[in-house]
Amino acid sequence: MKLCDDSQALSNLVQIDDAYLGGKRKGGKRGRGAEGKTPFVAAIMTNDKGHPVSMIFSVVGGFHKSDISNWAKKHIYPGTAVVSDGLSCFAAVKDADCSHYPIIKSHGPTNKEYSEFKWVDTMIGNVKNSIRGTYHAVSEKHVPRYLAEFCFRFNRRFELGKMIKQLAQAAVNTLPIPQRILKLPELWW
């Protein structure tokens, strides 16, 4: 699932945001610097009517310009318009020849809904709630696989027959992998 979606790049208009998965539930620090959190980029491609078409959720080393630049070169077609919040690292999508439109979100009592981020915020919430409701524990080293499962299903939601065919084809074409290899982090293989 992950390999199939990683080979697809987003175009047209893309909403991106930073997100984290995991971390200590009790007694730990909250927010961005919390221990055990896995950072990932959430990106949703929308059509001309503003409806979501496909998504890519990718684990990154952190939210630094170099990480976002490398991510954008792999996952976004040149010429794409990218909308993000005011996080400075997202300006690095320009390295992939994309247009960048940052929108500073206000927080606190005057916080409002931003239609520019409707789909990326919705999908981040849906994926996090689904993972929390499905798994007893989330292994940090396998977060890319958890995210890939949701992206694969979302990106093929209107082509269920194609999804089954692709999964069957992947099962037939994949060599057996010993358990000790499967348990290794995603980045290893």
N, C-alpha and C. Protein backbone atom coordinates (compact mmCIF):
# COMPACT_ATOMS: atom_id res chain seq x y z
N MET A 1 0.82 -1.19 0.00
CA MET A 1 0.00 0.00 0.00
C MET A 1 0.87 1.25 0.00
N LYS A 2 1.88 1.26 0.84
CA LYS A 2 2.74 2.43 0.95
C LYS A 2 3.52 2.66 -0.34
N LEU A 3 4.09 1.63 -0.90
CA LEU A 3 4.86 1.78 -2.13
C LEU A 3 3.99 2.28 -3.28
N CYS A 4 2.77 1.81 -3.34
CA CYS A 4 1.84 2.20 -4.40
C CYS A 4 1.53 3.69 -4.31
N ASP A 5 1.22 4.17 -3.12
CA ASP A 5 0.86 5.59 -2.97
C ASP A 5 2.07 6.51 -3.00
N ASP A 6 3.23 6.04 -2.57
CA ASP A 6 4.42 6.88 -2.60
C ASP A 6 4.86 7.20 -4.03
N SER A 7 4.43 6.39 -4.98
CA SER A 7 4.81 6.64 -6.37
C SER A 7 3.91 7.68 -7.04
N GLN A 8 2.86 8.11 -6.35
CA GLN A 8 1.92 9.11 -6.89
C GLN A 8 2.25 10.48 -6.31
N ALA A 9 2.27 11.51 -7.16
CA ALA A 9 2.50 12.87 -6.69
C ALA A 9 1.19 13.65 -6.75
N LEU A 10 1.08 14.66 -5.90
CA LEU A 10 -0.12 15.49 -5.86
C LEU A 10 0.05 16.70 -6.77
N SER A 11 -1.06 17.22 -7.28
CA SER A 11 -1.02 18.38 -8.16
C SER A 11 -2.25 19.25 -7.89
N ASN A 12 -2.50 20.22 -8.78
CA ASN A 12 -3.65 21.12 -8.71
C ASN A 12 -3.51 22.01 -7.48
N LEU A 13 -4.37 21.86 -6.48
CA LEU A 13 -4.30 22.62 -5.24
C LEU A 13 -4.12 21.64 -4.09
N VAL A 14 -3.12 21.88 -3.26
CA VAL A 14 -2.79 20.96 -2.17
C VAL A 14 -2.81 21.71 -0.84
N GLN A 15 -3.53 21.15 0.13
CA GLN A 15 -3.53 21.67 1.50
C GLN A 15 -2.54 20.82 2.29
N ILE A 16 -1.60 21.46 2.99
CA ILE A 16 -0.66 20.69 3.81
C ILE A 16 -0.67 21.23 5.24
N ASP A 17 -0.35 20.33 6.16
CA ASP A 17 -0.28 20.71 7.57
C ASP A 17 0.68 19.77 8.28
N ASP A 18 1.17 20.22 9.41
CA ASP A 18 2.03 19.38 10.24
C ASP A 18 1.15 18.65 11.25
N ALA A 19 1.54 17.44 11.58
CA ALA A 19 0.78 16.65 12.54
C ALA A 19 1.73 15.70 13.26
N TYR A 20 1.26 15.18 14.38
CA TYR A 20 2.05 14.24 15.18
C TYR A 20 1.16 13.08 15.59
N LEU A 21 1.78 11.93 15.73
CA LEU A 21 1.06 10.75 16.18
C LEU A 21 1.83 10.12 17.33
N GLY A 22 1.11 9.70 18.34
CA GLY A 22 1.75 9.01 19.46
C GLY A 22 2.13 9.96 20.57
N GLY A 23 3.08 9.52 21.37
CA GLY A 23 3.52 10.29 22.52
C GLY A 23 2.99 9.68 23.81
N LYS A 24 3.51 10.18 24.92
CA LYS A 24 3.08 9.68 26.22
C LYS A 24 1.66 10.16 26.50
N ARG A 25 0.84 9.25 27.00
CA ARG A 25 -0.55 9.59 27.30
C ARG A 25 -0.69 10.29 28.64
N LYS A 26 0.03 9.82 29.66
CA LYS A 26 -0.14 10.37 31.01
C LYS A 26 1.21 10.83 31.55
N GLY A 27 1.20 12.00 32.15
CA GLY A 27 2.39 12.49 32.81
C GLY A 27 3.45 13.06 31.90
N GLY A 28 3.26 13.04 30.63
CA GLY A 28 4.26 13.55 29.70
C GLY A 28 3.95 14.97 29.27
N LYS A 29 4.91 15.59 28.64
CA LYS A 29 4.74 16.93 28.11
C LYS A 29 3.77 16.90 26.95
N ARG A 30 2.96 17.92 26.82
CA ARG A 30 2.00 18.01 25.72
C ARG A 30 2.59 18.87 24.61
N GLY A 31 2.05 18.74 23.42
CA GLY A 31 2.43 19.62 22.32
C GLY A 31 3.55 19.09 21.47
N ARG A 32 4.14 20.00 20.68
CA ARG A 32 5.14 19.63 19.68
C ARG A 32 6.37 18.93 20.24
N GLY A 33 6.87 19.37 21.37
CA GLY A 33 8.12 18.82 21.88
C GLY A 33 7.96 17.57 22.72
N ALA A 34 6.77 16.99 22.75
CA ALA A 34 6.52 15.84 23.61
C ALA A 34 7.32 14.63 23.16
N GLU A 35 7.74 13.87 24.14
CA GLU A 35 8.54 12.68 23.89
C GLU A 35 7.71 11.59 23.21
N GLY A 36 8.31 10.92 22.23
CA GLY A 36 7.67 9.79 21.58
C GLY A 36 6.70 10.14 20.46
N LYS A 37 6.58 11.40 20.12
CA LYS A 37 5.67 11.78 19.04
C LYS A 37 6.37 11.62 17.70
N THR A 38 5.63 11.13 16.72
CA THR A 38 6.17 10.96 15.38
C THR A 38 5.60 12.06 14.48
N PRO A 39 6.47 12.91 13.93
CA PRO A 39 5.98 13.98 13.06
C PRO A 39 5.65 13.46 11.67
N PHE A 40 4.55 13.95 11.10
CA PHE A 40 4.24 13.61 9.71
C PHE A 40 3.59 14.78 9.01
N VAL A 41 3.77 14.81 7.68
CA VAL A 41 3.15 15.83 6.84
C VAL A 41 1.85 15.24 6.32
N ALA A 42 0.78 16.00 6.46
CA ALA A 42 -0.52 15.61 5.93
C ALA A 42 -0.79 16.50 4.72
N ALA A 43 -1.06 15.90 3.57
CA ALA A 43 -1.32 16.66 2.35
C ALA A 43 -2.55 16.11 1.66
N ILE A 44 -3.45 17.01 1.29
CA ILE A 44 -4.69 16.64 0.61
C ILE A 44 -4.75 17.41 -0.71
N MET A 45 -4.93 16.70 -1.81
CA MET A 45 -5.12 17.33 -3.10
C MET A 45 -6.62 17.52 -3.32
N THR A 46 -7.01 18.74 -3.70
CA THR A 46 -8.41 19.02 -3.97
C THR A 46 -8.60 19.33 -5.45
N ASN A 47 -9.83 19.14 -5.91
CA ASN A 47 -10.14 19.47 -7.30
C ASN A 47 -10.58 20.93 -7.40
N ASP A 48 -11.00 21.35 -8.59
CA ASP A 48 -11.40 22.74 -8.80
C ASP A 48 -12.62 23.15 -7.99
N LYS A 49 -13.43 22.19 -7.58
CA LYS A 49 -14.62 22.48 -6.76
C LYS A 49 -14.31 22.45 -5.27
N GLY A 50 -13.06 22.17 -4.90
CA GLY A 50 -12.66 22.13 -3.50
C GLY A 50 -12.89 20.80 -2.82
N HIS A 51 -13.21 19.75 -3.58
CA HIS A 51 -13.44 18.43 -3.00
C HIS A 51 -12.12 17.64 -2.94
N PRO A 52 -11.94 16.84 -1.91
CA PRO A 52 -10.69 16.07 -1.80
C PRO A 52 -10.62 14.99 -2.87
N VAL A 53 -9.45 14.85 -3.45
CA VAL A 53 -9.22 13.84 -4.49
C VAL A 53 -8.34 12.73 -3.95
N SER A 54 -7.19 13.09 -3.41
CA SER A 54 -6.29 12.08 -2.84
C SER A 54 -5.46 12.71 -1.73
N MET A 55 -4.82 11.84 -0.97
CA MET A 55 -4.02 12.34 0.16
C MET A 55 -2.74 11.54 0.31
N ILE A 56 -1.77 12.19 0.90
CA ILE A 56 -0.50 11.56 1.26
C ILE A 56 -0.17 12.00 2.68
N PHE A 57 0.05 11.04 3.55
CA PHE A 57 0.52 11.31 4.90
C PHE A 57 1.89 10.66 5.00
N SER A 58 2.93 11.47 5.21
CA SER A 58 4.30 10.96 5.21
C SER A 58 5.03 11.34 6.49
N VAL A 59 5.66 10.36 7.09
CA VAL A 59 6.50 10.62 8.26
C VAL A 59 7.74 11.37 7.79
N VAL A 60 8.11 12.41 8.53
CA VAL A 60 9.31 13.19 8.22
C VAL A 60 10.20 13.22 9.46
N GLY A 61 11.46 13.55 9.26
CA GLY A 61 12.39 13.61 10.39
C GLY A 61 12.04 14.73 11.36
N GLY A 62 11.46 15.78 10.86
CA GLY A 62 11.06 16.92 11.66
C GLY A 62 10.51 17.99 10.74
N PHE A 63 10.10 19.09 11.31
CA PHE A 63 9.56 20.17 10.49
C PHE A 63 10.64 21.23 10.31
N HIS A 64 11.60 20.86 9.46
CA HIS A 64 12.70 21.74 9.07
C HIS A 64 12.61 21.95 7.57
N LYS A 65 13.15 23.04 7.09
CA LYS A 65 13.06 23.34 5.66
C LYS A 65 13.64 22.23 4.80
N SER A 66 14.73 21.63 5.20
CA SER A 66 15.34 20.56 4.40
C SER A 66 14.42 19.34 4.32
N ASP A 67 13.75 19.01 5.42
CA ASP A 67 12.83 17.87 5.43
C ASP A 67 11.64 18.14 4.50
N ILE A 68 11.09 19.32 4.55
CA ILE A 68 9.92 19.67 3.74
C ILE A 68 10.32 19.80 2.27
N SER A 69 11.49 20.33 2.00
CA SER A 69 11.97 20.43 0.62
C SER A 69 12.10 19.05 -0.02
N ASN A 70 12.73 18.13 0.69
CA ASN A 70 12.88 16.76 0.18
C ASN A 70 11.52 16.09 0.00
N TRP A 71 10.62 16.28 0.96
CA TRP A 71 9.29 15.70 0.88
C TRP A 71 8.54 16.25 -0.33
N ALA A 72 8.58 17.56 -0.53
CA ALA A 72 7.85 18.19 -1.64
C ALA A 72 8.38 17.73 -3.00
N LYS A 73 9.67 17.59 -3.13
CA LYS A 73 10.25 17.14 -4.41
C LYS A 73 9.79 15.74 -4.77
N LYS A 74 9.49 14.94 -3.77
CA LYS A 74 9.04 13.56 -4.00
C LYS A 74 7.53 13.46 -4.19
N HIS A 75 6.76 14.30 -3.51
CA HIS A 75 5.31 14.09 -3.44
C HIS A 75 4.44 15.15 -4.11
N ILE A 76 5.03 16.25 -4.63
CA ILE A 76 4.22 17.30 -5.24
C ILE A 76 4.79 17.64 -6.62
N TYR A 77 3.91 17.67 -7.62
CA TYR A 77 4.33 18.05 -8.97
C TYR A 77 4.72 19.52 -9.01
N PRO A 78 5.72 19.88 -9.82
CA PRO A 78 6.06 21.30 -10.01
C PRO A 78 4.84 22.05 -10.56
N GLY A 79 4.70 23.29 -10.14
CA GLY A 79 3.59 24.11 -10.60
C GLY A 79 2.34 24.00 -9.75
N THR A 80 2.36 23.16 -8.75
CA THR A 80 1.20 22.98 -7.87
C THR A 80 1.08 24.15 -6.90
N ALA A 81 -0.14 24.56 -6.61
CA ALA A 81 -0.39 25.59 -5.60
C ALA A 81 -0.55 24.90 -4.25
N VAL A 82 0.24 25.31 -3.28
CA VAL A 82 0.24 24.70 -1.95
C VAL A 82 -0.20 25.72 -0.91
N VAL A 83 -1.22 25.36 -0.13
CA VAL A 83 -1.72 26.21 0.95
C VAL A 83 -1.30 25.56 2.26
N SER A 84 -0.72 26.36 3.15
CA SER A 84 -0.30 25.83 4.45
C SER A 84 -0.56 26.88 5.52
N ASP A 85 -0.38 26.45 6.77
CA ASP A 85 -0.46 27.42 7.86
C ASP A 85 0.85 28.21 7.88
N GLY A 86 1.07 29.00 8.88
CA GLY A 86 2.23 29.88 8.91
C GLY A 86 3.53 29.25 9.34
N LEU A 87 3.59 27.93 9.48
CA LEU A 87 4.83 27.28 9.89
C LEU A 87 5.90 27.55 8.82
N SER A 88 7.01 28.15 9.22
CA SER A 88 8.00 28.66 8.27
C SER A 88 8.62 27.59 7.38
N CYS A 89 8.70 26.36 7.84
CA CYS A 89 9.35 25.31 7.03
C CYS A 89 8.57 25.00 5.75
N PHE A 90 7.27 25.29 5.72
CA PHE A 90 6.48 24.97 4.54
C PHE A 90 6.83 25.84 3.33
N ALA A 91 7.53 26.93 3.54
CA ALA A 91 7.99 27.75 2.40
C ALA A 91 8.95 26.96 1.52
N ALA A 92 9.51 25.88 2.04
CA ALA A 92 10.45 25.05 1.28
C ALA A 92 9.80 24.30 0.13
N VAL A 93 8.46 24.31 0.03
CA VAL A 93 7.82 23.68 -1.14
C VAL A 93 8.20 24.42 -2.41
N LYS A 94 8.67 25.65 -2.27
CA LYS A 94 9.13 26.41 -3.44
C LYS A 94 10.33 25.74 -4.09
N ASP A 95 11.10 24.97 -3.32
CA ASP A 95 12.24 24.22 -3.87
C ASP A 95 11.79 23.18 -4.89
N ALA A 96 10.53 22.77 -4.82
CA ALA A 96 9.96 21.80 -5.77
C ALA A 96 9.19 22.52 -6.88
N ASP A 97 9.48 23.82 -7.05
CA ASP A 97 8.83 24.65 -8.07
C ASP A 97 7.32 24.73 -7.89
N CYS A 98 6.88 24.82 -6.65
CA CYS A 98 5.46 24.97 -6.32
C CYS A 98 5.22 26.40 -5.85
N SER A 99 3.99 26.85 -5.98
CA SER A 99 3.59 28.14 -5.42
C SER A 99 3.14 27.89 -3.98
N HIS A 100 3.54 28.77 -3.08
CA HIS A 100 3.20 28.59 -1.67
C HIS A 100 2.36 29.75 -1.18
N TYR A 101 1.23 29.43 -0.55
CA TYR A 101 0.31 30.42 -0.01
C TYR A 101 0.10 30.15 1.47
N PRO A 102 0.91 30.79 2.33
CA PRO A 102 0.74 30.58 3.78
C PRO A 102 -0.42 31.40 4.32
N ILE A 103 -1.19 30.80 5.21
CA ILE A 103 -2.30 31.48 5.89
C ILE A 103 -2.07 31.30 7.38
N ILE A 104 -1.90 32.40 8.06
CA ILE A 104 -1.65 32.36 9.49
C ILE A 104 -2.97 32.08 10.21
N LYS A 105 -3.02 30.98 10.93
CA LYS A 105 -4.21 30.64 11.72
C LYS A 105 -4.12 31.33 13.07
N SER A 106 -5.24 31.88 13.50
CA SER A 106 -5.26 32.48 14.84
C SER A 106 -5.75 31.42 15.82
N HIS A 107 -5.21 31.45 17.02
CA HIS A 107 -5.61 30.51 18.07
C HIS A 107 -6.15 31.30 19.24
N GLY A 108 -6.87 30.65 20.09
CA GLY A 108 -7.41 31.30 21.27
C GLY A 108 -8.89 31.61 21.12
N PRO A 109 -9.37 32.59 21.85
CA PRO A 109 -10.82 32.87 21.88
C PRO A 109 -11.38 33.34 20.54
N THR A 110 -10.53 33.91 19.68
CA THR A 110 -11.02 34.38 18.38
C THR A 110 -10.79 33.35 17.28
N ASN A 111 -10.43 32.13 17.65
CA ASN A 111 -10.16 31.07 16.68
C ASN A 111 -11.39 30.83 15.80
N LYS A 112 -11.18 30.67 14.52
CA LYS A 112 -12.29 30.42 13.60
C LYS A 112 -11.94 29.26 12.67
N GLU A 113 -12.93 28.77 11.99
CA GLU A 113 -12.71 27.72 11.01
C GLU A 113 -12.09 28.33 9.75
N TYR A 114 -11.14 27.66 9.19
CA TYR A 114 -10.50 28.10 7.96
C TYR A 114 -10.87 27.13 6.86
N SER A 115 -11.63 27.59 5.89
CA SER A 115 -12.08 26.70 4.81
C SER A 115 -10.90 26.21 3.98
N GLU A 116 -9.81 26.96 3.97
CA GLU A 116 -8.62 26.56 3.20
C GLU A 116 -8.02 25.26 3.75
N PHE A 117 -8.31 24.95 5.00
CA PHE A 117 -7.74 23.76 5.64
C PHE A 117 -8.79 22.73 6.01
N LYS A 118 -9.99 22.89 5.47
CA LYS A 118 -11.11 22.02 5.85
C LYS A 118 -10.76 20.55 5.69
N TRP A 119 -10.25 20.17 4.54
CA TRP A 119 -10.04 18.74 4.27
C TRP A 119 -8.81 18.19 4.97
N VAL A 120 -7.74 18.94 5.03
CA VAL A 120 -6.56 18.40 5.69
C VAL A 120 -6.82 18.26 7.19
N ASP A 121 -7.51 19.25 7.80
CA ASP A 121 -7.83 19.14 9.23
C ASP A 121 -8.79 17.98 9.49
N THR A 122 -9.78 17.81 8.61
CA THR A 122 -10.75 16.72 8.76
C THR A 122 -10.06 15.36 8.68
N MET A 123 -9.17 15.19 7.68
CA MET A 123 -8.53 13.89 7.49
C MET A 123 -7.54 13.57 8.61
N ILE A 124 -6.83 14.59 9.11
CA ILE A 124 -5.93 14.34 10.24
C ILE A 124 -6.74 13.83 11.43
N GLY A 125 -7.85 14.49 11.72
CA GLY A 125 -8.71 14.06 12.83
C GLY A 125 -9.27 12.67 12.62
N ASN A 126 -9.73 12.38 11.40
CA ASN A 126 -10.28 11.05 11.11
C ASN A 126 -9.25 9.95 11.27
N VAL A 127 -8.06 10.19 10.76
CA VAL A 127 -7.00 9.17 10.84
C VAL A 127 -6.58 8.94 12.29
N LYS A 128 -6.37 10.01 13.04
CA LYS A 128 -5.96 9.86 14.44
C LYS A 128 -7.03 9.14 15.25
N ASN A 129 -8.28 9.51 15.08
CA ASN A 129 -9.36 8.84 15.81
C ASN A 129 -9.49 7.38 15.42
N SER A 130 -9.32 7.09 14.16
CA SER A 130 -9.41 5.71 13.69
C SER A 130 -8.27 4.86 14.25
N ILE A 131 -7.07 5.40 14.26
CA ILE A 131 -5.92 4.66 14.80
C ILE A 131 -6.12 4.42 16.29
N ARG A 132 -6.53 5.45 17.03
CA ARG A 132 -6.76 5.29 18.47
C ARG A 132 -7.87 4.28 18.76
N GLY A 133 -8.89 4.25 17.90
CA GLY A 133 -10.01 3.35 18.12
C GLY A 133 -9.77 1.94 17.63
N THR A 134 -8.75 1.72 16.81
CA THR A 134 -8.51 0.41 16.22
C THR A 134 -7.38 -0.36 16.91
N TYR A 135 -6.30 0.32 17.25
CA TYR A 135 -5.11 -0.35 17.75
C TYR A 135 -4.96 -0.15 19.26
N HIS A 136 -4.46 -1.18 19.94
CA HIS A 136 -4.21 -1.09 21.37
C HIS A 136 -2.98 -0.23 21.64
N ALA A 137 -2.00 -0.35 20.77
CA ALA A 137 -0.77 0.43 20.90
C ALA A 137 -0.27 0.75 19.50
N VAL A 138 0.37 1.89 19.38
CA VAL A 138 0.92 2.30 18.08
C VAL A 138 2.43 2.33 18.22
N SER A 139 3.09 1.49 17.44
CA SER A 139 4.54 1.44 17.46
C SER A 139 5.09 2.56 16.58
N GLU A 140 5.93 3.38 17.17
CA GLU A 140 6.50 4.53 16.46
C GLU A 140 7.20 4.11 15.17
N LYS A 141 7.87 2.97 15.21
CA LYS A 141 8.62 2.55 14.02
C LYS A 141 7.72 2.10 12.87
N HIS A 142 6.44 1.84 13.14
CA HIS A 142 5.53 1.41 12.09
C HIS A 142 4.50 2.47 11.70
N VAL A 143 4.65 3.69 12.19
CA VAL A 143 3.70 4.75 11.86
C VAL A 143 3.54 4.93 10.35
N PRO A 144 4.61 4.87 9.54
CA PRO A 144 4.41 5.00 8.09
C PRO A 144 3.42 3.97 7.53
N ARG A 145 3.43 2.78 8.09
CA ARG A 145 2.52 1.73 7.62
C ARG A 145 1.08 2.02 8.02
N TYR A 146 0.90 2.50 9.25
CA TYR A 146 -0.46 2.85 9.70
C TYR A 146 -1.04 3.94 8.80
N LEU A 147 -0.25 4.97 8.55
CA LEU A 147 -0.71 6.08 7.72
C LEU A 147 -0.96 5.65 6.27
N ALA A 148 -0.10 4.78 5.75
CA ALA A 148 -0.24 4.31 4.37
C ALA A 148 -1.55 3.55 4.17
N GLU A 149 -1.96 2.80 5.17
CA GLU A 149 -3.21 2.05 5.07
C GLU A 149 -4.39 2.99 4.83
N PHE A 150 -4.45 4.08 5.57
CA PHE A 150 -5.56 5.02 5.43
C PHE A 150 -5.50 5.76 4.10
N CYS A 151 -4.31 6.16 3.70
CA CYS A 151 -4.16 6.85 2.41
C CYS A 151 -4.57 5.95 1.26
N PHE A 152 -4.14 4.70 1.30
CA PHE A 152 -4.47 3.74 0.23
C PHE A 152 -5.99 3.60 0.10
N ARG A 153 -6.66 3.41 1.21
CA ARG A 153 -8.13 3.25 1.16
C ARG A 153 -8.82 4.53 0.71
N PHE A 154 -8.37 5.68 1.21
CA PHE A 154 -8.99 6.94 0.83
C PHE A 154 -8.81 7.23 -0.66
N ASN A 155 -7.60 7.01 -1.15
CA ASN A 155 -7.30 7.32 -2.55
C ASN A 155 -8.02 6.42 -3.54
N ARG A 156 -8.56 5.30 -3.07
CA ARG A 156 -9.28 4.36 -3.94
C ARG A 156 -10.74 4.18 -3.51
N ARG A 157 -11.26 5.11 -2.77
CA ARG A 157 -12.61 4.97 -2.20
C ARG A 157 -13.70 4.88 -3.25
N PHE A 158 -13.46 5.36 -4.46
CA PHE A 158 -14.46 5.27 -5.51
C PHE A 158 -14.18 4.12 -6.48
N GLU A 159 -13.10 3.38 -6.24
CA GLU A 159 -12.69 2.28 -7.12
C GLU A 159 -12.39 1.04 -6.29
N LEU A 160 -13.39 0.53 -5.59
CA LEU A 160 -13.17 -0.58 -4.67
C LEU A 160 -12.67 -1.83 -5.39
N GLY A 161 -13.17 -2.10 -6.57
CA GLY A 161 -12.70 -3.25 -7.34
C GLY A 161 -11.23 -3.14 -7.69
N LYS A 162 -10.79 -1.95 -8.01
CA LYS A 162 -9.38 -1.71 -8.34
C LYS A 162 -8.50 -1.92 -7.10
N MET A 163 -9.03 -1.53 -5.93
CA MET A 163 -8.27 -1.69 -4.70
C MET A 163 -7.99 -3.16 -4.41
N ILE A 164 -8.98 -3.99 -4.55
CA ILE A 164 -8.82 -5.42 -4.29
C ILE A 164 -7.84 -6.03 -5.29
N LYS A 165 -7.95 -5.63 -6.54
CA LYS A 165 -7.04 -6.13 -7.57
C LYS A 165 -5.60 -5.73 -7.26
N GLN A 166 -5.38 -4.48 -6.84
CA GLN A 166 -4.02 -4.03 -6.52
C GLN A 166 -3.46 -4.75 -5.31
N LEU A 167 -4.29 -4.99 -4.29
CA LEU A 167 -3.82 -5.73 -3.12
C LEU A 167 -3.48 -7.18 -3.47
N ALA A 168 -4.31 -7.80 -4.31
CA ALA A 168 -4.04 -9.18 -4.73
C ALA A 168 -2.76 -9.25 -5.55
N GLN A 169 -2.58 -8.27 -6.44
CA GLN A 169 -1.37 -8.24 -7.27
C GLN A 169 -0.13 -8.06 -6.40
N ALA A 170 -0.21 -7.18 -5.40
CA ALA A 170 0.92 -6.97 -4.50
C ALA A 170 1.23 -8.24 -3.71
N ALA A 171 0.19 -8.95 -3.27
CA ALA A 171 0.39 -10.19 -2.51
C ALA A 171 1.06 -11.25 -3.36
N VAL A 172 0.68 -11.36 -4.61
CA VAL A 172 1.25 -12.37 -5.50
C VAL A 172 2.69 -12.02 -5.86
N ASN A 173 2.99 -10.73 -6.05
CA ASN A 173 4.31 -10.31 -6.51
C ASN A 173 5.32 -10.07 -5.39
N THR A 174 4.88 -10.11 -4.15
CA THR A 174 5.79 -9.86 -3.03
C THR A 174 6.40 -11.17 -2.55
N LEU A 175 7.70 -11.16 -2.43
CA LEU A 175 8.40 -12.35 -1.92
C LEU A 175 8.11 -12.50 -0.43
N PRO A 176 8.19 -13.72 0.08
CA PRO A 176 7.99 -13.92 1.52
C PRO A 176 9.03 -13.12 2.32
N ILE A 177 8.57 -12.52 3.41
CA ILE A 177 9.45 -11.74 4.26
C ILE A 177 9.41 -12.33 5.66
N PRO A 178 10.57 -12.70 6.21
CA PRO A 178 10.60 -13.28 7.55
C PRO A 178 10.10 -12.29 8.60
N GLN A 179 9.53 -12.80 9.68
CA GLN A 179 8.99 -11.98 10.75
C GLN A 179 10.02 -11.00 11.31
N ARG A 180 11.27 -11.43 11.43
CA ARG A 180 12.30 -10.55 11.99
C ARG A 180 12.53 -9.32 11.12
N ILE A 181 12.32 -9.46 9.82
CA ILE A 181 12.45 -8.31 8.91
C ILE A 181 11.20 -7.43 8.98
N LEU A 182 10.04 -8.04 9.06
CA LEU A 182 8.79 -7.28 9.13
C LEU A 182 8.73 -6.39 10.38
N LYS A 183 9.39 -6.83 11.45
CA LYS A 183 9.36 -6.09 12.70
C LYS A 183 10.30 -4.89 12.71
N LEU A 184 11.16 -4.77 11.70
CA LEU A 184 12.10 -3.67 11.64
C LEU A 184 11.38 -2.39 11.25
N PRO A 185 11.96 -1.21 11.57
CA PRO A 185 11.32 0.05 11.19
C PRO A 185 11.19 0.17 9.68
N GLU A 186 10.20 0.93 9.27
CA GLU A 186 9.91 1.16 7.85
C GLU A 186 11.12 1.66 7.09
N LEU A 187 11.91 2.54 7.69
CA LEU A 187 13.03 3.15 7.00
C LEU A 187 14.14 2.17 6.66
N TRP A 188 14.14 1.01 7.31
CA TRP A 188 15.21 0.04 7.09
C TRP A 188 15.14 -0.56 5.70
N TRP A 189 13.95 -0.89 5.23
CA TRP A 189 13.83 -1.57 3.94
C TRP A 189 12.90 -0.83 3.10
